[in-house]
C-alpha atoms as a PDB file:
ATOM      1  CA  MET A   1      -7.795 139.561-222.054  1.00  0.00           C
ATOM      2  CA  SER A   2      -9.461 139.184-225.435  1.00  0.00           C
ATOM      3  CA  ILE A   3      -6.068 138.696-227.100  1.00  0.00           C
ATOM      4  CA  VAL A   4      -4.522 136.511-224.380  1.00  0.00           C
ATOM      5  CA  LEU A   5      -6.836 133.500-224.698  1.00  0.00           C
ATOM      6  CA  PRO A   6      -6.548 133.148-228.496  1.00  0.00           C
ATOM      7  CA  THR A   7      -2.780 133.530-228.197  1.00  0.00           C
ATOM      8  CA  LEU A   8      -2.633 130.796-225.564  1.00  0.00           C
ATOM      9  CA  ALA A   9      -4.835 128.553-227.715  1.00  0.00           C
ATOM     10  CA  VAL A  10      -2.535 128.992-230.711  1.00  0.00           C
ATOM     11  CA  ALA A  11       0.529 128.355-228.541  1.00  0.00           C
ATOM     12  CA  PHE A  12      -1.083 125.198-227.123  1.00  0.00           C
ATOM     13  CA  ALA A  13      -1.902 123.920-230.626  1.00  0.00           C
ATOM     14  CA  ALA A  14       1.616 124.721-231.862  1.00  0.00           C
ATOM     15  CA  PHE A  15       3.161 122.897-228.908  1.00  0.00           C
ATOM     16  CA  CYS A  16       0.963 119.838-229.564  1.00  0.00           C
ATOM     17  CA  ILE A  17       2.007 119.835-233.231  1.00  0.00           C
ATOM     18  CA  TRP A  18       5.657 120.157-232.246  1.00  0.00           C
ATOM     19  CA  LEU A  19       5.270 117.198-229.889  1.00  0.00           C
ATOM     20  CA  ALA A  20       3.553 115.170-232.601  1.00  0.00           C
ATOM     21  CA  VAL A  21       6.497 115.825-234.917  1.00  0.00           C
ATOM     22  CA  ARG A  22       8.910 114.728-232.167  1.00  0.00           C
ATOM     23  CA  ILE A  23       6.891 111.548-231.690  1.00  0.00           C
ATOM     24  CA  VAL A  24       6.725 110.711-235.403  1.00  0.00           C
ATOM     25  CA  ASN A  25      10.281 111.637-236.351  1.00  0.00           C
ATOM     26  CA  ARG A  26      12.272 110.654-233.289  1.00  0.00           C
ATOM     27  CA  ARG A  27       9.927 108.317-231.402  1.00  0.00           C
ATOM     28  CA  GLU A  28      10.774 109.885-228.070  1.00  0.00           C
ATOM     29  CA  ARG A  29       8.948 108.503-225.043  1.00  0.00           C
ATOM     30  CA  TRP A  30       8.864 111.761-223.120  1.00  0.00           C
ATOM     31  CA  ALA A  31       7.085 113.403-226.035  1.00  0.00           C
ATOM     32  CA  LYS A  32       4.446 110.655-226.103  1.00  0.00           C
ATOM     33  CA  ARG A  33       3.816 111.007-222.394  1.00  0.00           C
ATOM     34  CA  THR A  34       3.695 114.788-222.539  1.00  0.00           C
ATOM     35  CA  LEU A  35       1.217 114.754-225.424  1.00  0.00           C
ATOM     36  CA  ALA A  36      -0.960 112.238-223.586  1.00  0.00           C
ATOM     37  CA  VAL A  37      -1.001 114.444-220.483  1.00  0.00           C
ATOM     38  CA  MET A  38      -1.804 117.536-222.549  1.00  0.00           C
ATOM     39  CA  ILE A  39      -4.804 115.779-224.063  1.00  0.00           C
ATOM     40  CA  VAL A  40      -6.041 114.003-220.935  1.00  0.00           C
ATOM     41  CA  LEU A  41      -5.879 116.927-218.469  1.00  0.00           C
ATOM     42  CA  PRO A  42      -8.257 119.255-220.357  1.00  0.00           C
ATOM     43  CA  ALA A  43     -10.621 116.336-220.956  1.00  0.00           C
ATOM     44  CA  MET A  44     -10.596 115.514-217.235  1.00  0.00           C
ATOM     45  CA  TYR A  45     -11.300 119.175-216.410  1.00  0.00           C
ATOM     46  CA  VAL A  46     -14.375 119.254-218.636  1.00  0.00           C
ATOM     47  CA  LEU A  47     -15.599 115.836-217.472  1.00  0.00           C
ATOM     48  CA  SER A  48     -15.234 116.812-213.814  1.00  0.00           C
ATOM     49  CA  PHE A  49     -17.762 119.644-214.241  1.00  0.00           C
ATOM     50  CA  GLY A  50     -20.772 117.345-213.754  1.00  0.00           C
ATOM     51  CA  PRO A  51     -19.510 115.680-210.558  1.00  0.00           C
ATOM     52  CA  ALA A  52     -18.444 119.092-209.201  1.00  0.00           C
ATOM     53  CA  CYS A  53     -22.004 120.341-209.720  1.00  0.00           C
ATOM     54  CA  TRP A  54     -23.436 117.241-208.049  1.00  0.00           C
ATOM     55  CA  ILE A  55     -21.170 117.616-205.011  1.00  0.00           C
ATOM     56  CA  SER A  56     -21.627 121.377-204.832  1.00  0.00           C
ATOM     57  CA  ARG A  57     -25.396 120.974-204.945  1.00  0.00           C
ATOM     58  CA  ARG A  58     -25.234 118.982-201.721  1.00  0.00           C
ATOM     59  CA  VAL A  59     -22.455 120.906-199.950  1.00  0.00           C
ATOM     60  CA  GLN A  60     -22.726 124.482-201.230  1.00  0.00           C
ATOM     61  CA  PRO A  61     -26.039 125.185-203.003  1.00  0.00           C
ATOM     62  CA  SER A  62     -24.945 128.722-203.889  1.00  0.00           C
ATOM     63  CA  GLY A  63     -22.599 127.217-206.488  1.00  0.00           C
ATOM     64  CA  GLU A  64     -19.940 129.845-205.860  1.00  0.00           C
ATOM     65  CA  PHE A  65     -16.997 127.424-206.094  1.00  0.00           C
ATOM     66  CA  VAL A  66     -18.287 125.859-209.314  1.00  0.00           C
ATOM     67  CA  SER A  67     -18.922 129.298-210.812  1.00  0.00           C
ATOM     68  CA  ILE A  68     -15.334 130.342-210.166  1.00  0.00           C
ATOM     69  CA  VAL A  69     -13.422 127.177-211.060  1.00  0.00           C
ATOM     70  CA  TYR A  70     -15.493 126.144-214.067  1.00  0.00           C
ATOM     71  CA  SER A  71     -16.207 129.569-215.591  1.00  0.00           C
ATOM     72  CA  PRO A  72     -14.893 128.526-219.053  1.00  0.00           C
ATOM     73  CA  VAL A  73     -17.244 125.530-219.115  1.00  0.00           C
ATOM     74  CA  ILE A  74     -20.133 127.697-217.905  1.00  0.00           C
ATOM     75  CA  ARG A  75     -19.447 130.224-220.670  1.00  0.00           C
ATOM     76  CA  VAL A  76     -19.701 127.469-223.261  1.00  0.00           C
ATOM     77  CA  TRP A  77     -22.807 126.153-221.509  1.00  0.00           C
ATOM     78  CA  ILE A  78     -24.483 129.562-221.741  1.00  0.00           C
ATOM     79  CA  GLY A  79     -23.216 130.893-225.038  1.00  0.00           C
ATOM     80  CA  GLY A  80     -22.160 127.843-227.027  1.00  0.00           C
ATOM     81  CA  PRO A  81     -23.988 125.923-229.729  1.00  0.00           C
ATOM     82  CA  HIS A  82     -27.333 124.410-228.705  1.00  0.00           C
ATOM     83  CA  THR A  83     -26.007 120.869-229.091  1.00  0.00           C
ATOM     84  CA  ILE A  84     -23.187 121.536-226.623  1.00  0.00           C
ATOM     85  CA  GLN A  85     -25.571 123.372-224.274  1.00  0.00           C
ATOM     86  CA  ASN A  86     -27.925 120.387-224.259  1.00  0.00           C
ATOM     87  CA  LEU A  87     -25.078 117.919-223.651  1.00  0.00           C
ATOM     88  CA  ILE A  88     -23.760 119.913-220.705  1.00  0.00           C
ATOM     89  CA  SER A  89     -27.261 120.354-219.264  1.00  0.00           C
ATOM     90  CA  GLN A  90     -27.998 116.636-219.511  1.00  0.00           C
ATOM     91  CA  PHE A  91     -24.620 115.772-217.979  1.00  0.00           C
ATOM     92  CA  VAL A  92     -25.190 118.126-215.028  1.00  0.00           C
ATOM     93  CA  ARG A  93     -28.729 116.835-214.439  1.00  0.00           C
ATOM     94  CA  LEU A  94     -27.544 113.218-214.606  1.00  0.00           C
ATOM     95  CA  GLY A  95     -26.358 113.219-210.994  1.00  0.00           C
ATOM     96  CA  MET A  96     -28.992 115.552-209.580  1.00  0.00           C
ATOM     97  CA  ALA A  97     -31.753 114.158-207.456  1.00  0.00           C
ATOM     98  CA  GLY A  98     -35.236 114.344-208.937  1.00  0.00           C
ATOM     99  CA  GLY A  99     -36.879 117.747-208.898  1.00  0.00           C
ATOM    100  CA  HIS A 100     -33.663 119.725-208.508  1.00  0.00           C
ATOM    101  CA  ALA A 101     -32.715 122.363-211.018  1.00  0.00           C
ATOM    102  CA  VAL A 102     -29.541 124.118-212.074  1.00  0.00           C
ATOM    103  CA  ILE A 103     -29.963 127.831-212.621  1.00  0.00           C
ATOM    104  CA  HIS A 104     -27.339 130.003-214.240  1.00  0.00           C
ATOM    105  CA  VAL A 105     -27.639 133.743-213.804  1.00  0.00           C
ATOM    106  CA  GLY A 106     -25.035 135.409-215.960  1.00  0.00           C
ATOM    107  CA  TYR A 107     -21.980 133.261-215.371  1.00  0.00           C
ATOM    108  CA  ASP A 108     -22.984 132.141-211.862  1.00  0.00           C
ATOM    109  CA  VAL A 109     -24.505 128.727-211.185  1.00  0.00           C
ATOM    110  CA  THR A 110     -27.048 128.128-208.425  1.00  0.00           C
ATOM    111  CA  PHE A 111     -28.614 124.824-207.422  1.00  0.00           C
ATOM    112  CA  GLN A 112     -32.212 124.398-206.256  1.00  0.00           C
END
């Protein structure tokens, strides 16, 4: 697994570069749309982490669904740079009612 993710990241970057070349050289519409989707979908995934935590806090306080679906975001939240950790923490707390906390034990998230 440690070799699969970097390989997929390199393949994703190479595909985006190939699309950019198609857009610049041939001005193809399908390439523009595909590149837009490839940029927007990961951004939407990351931005949906906060609302998923807010909803899960009310529906499923164990946070099991969020822990499974958003495990890459949680890994960055736990082990990433402090600036990114603070941004994610503030974003998650933004929709929480006062006095509620988000606890992460390992890579599991629990809401209290």
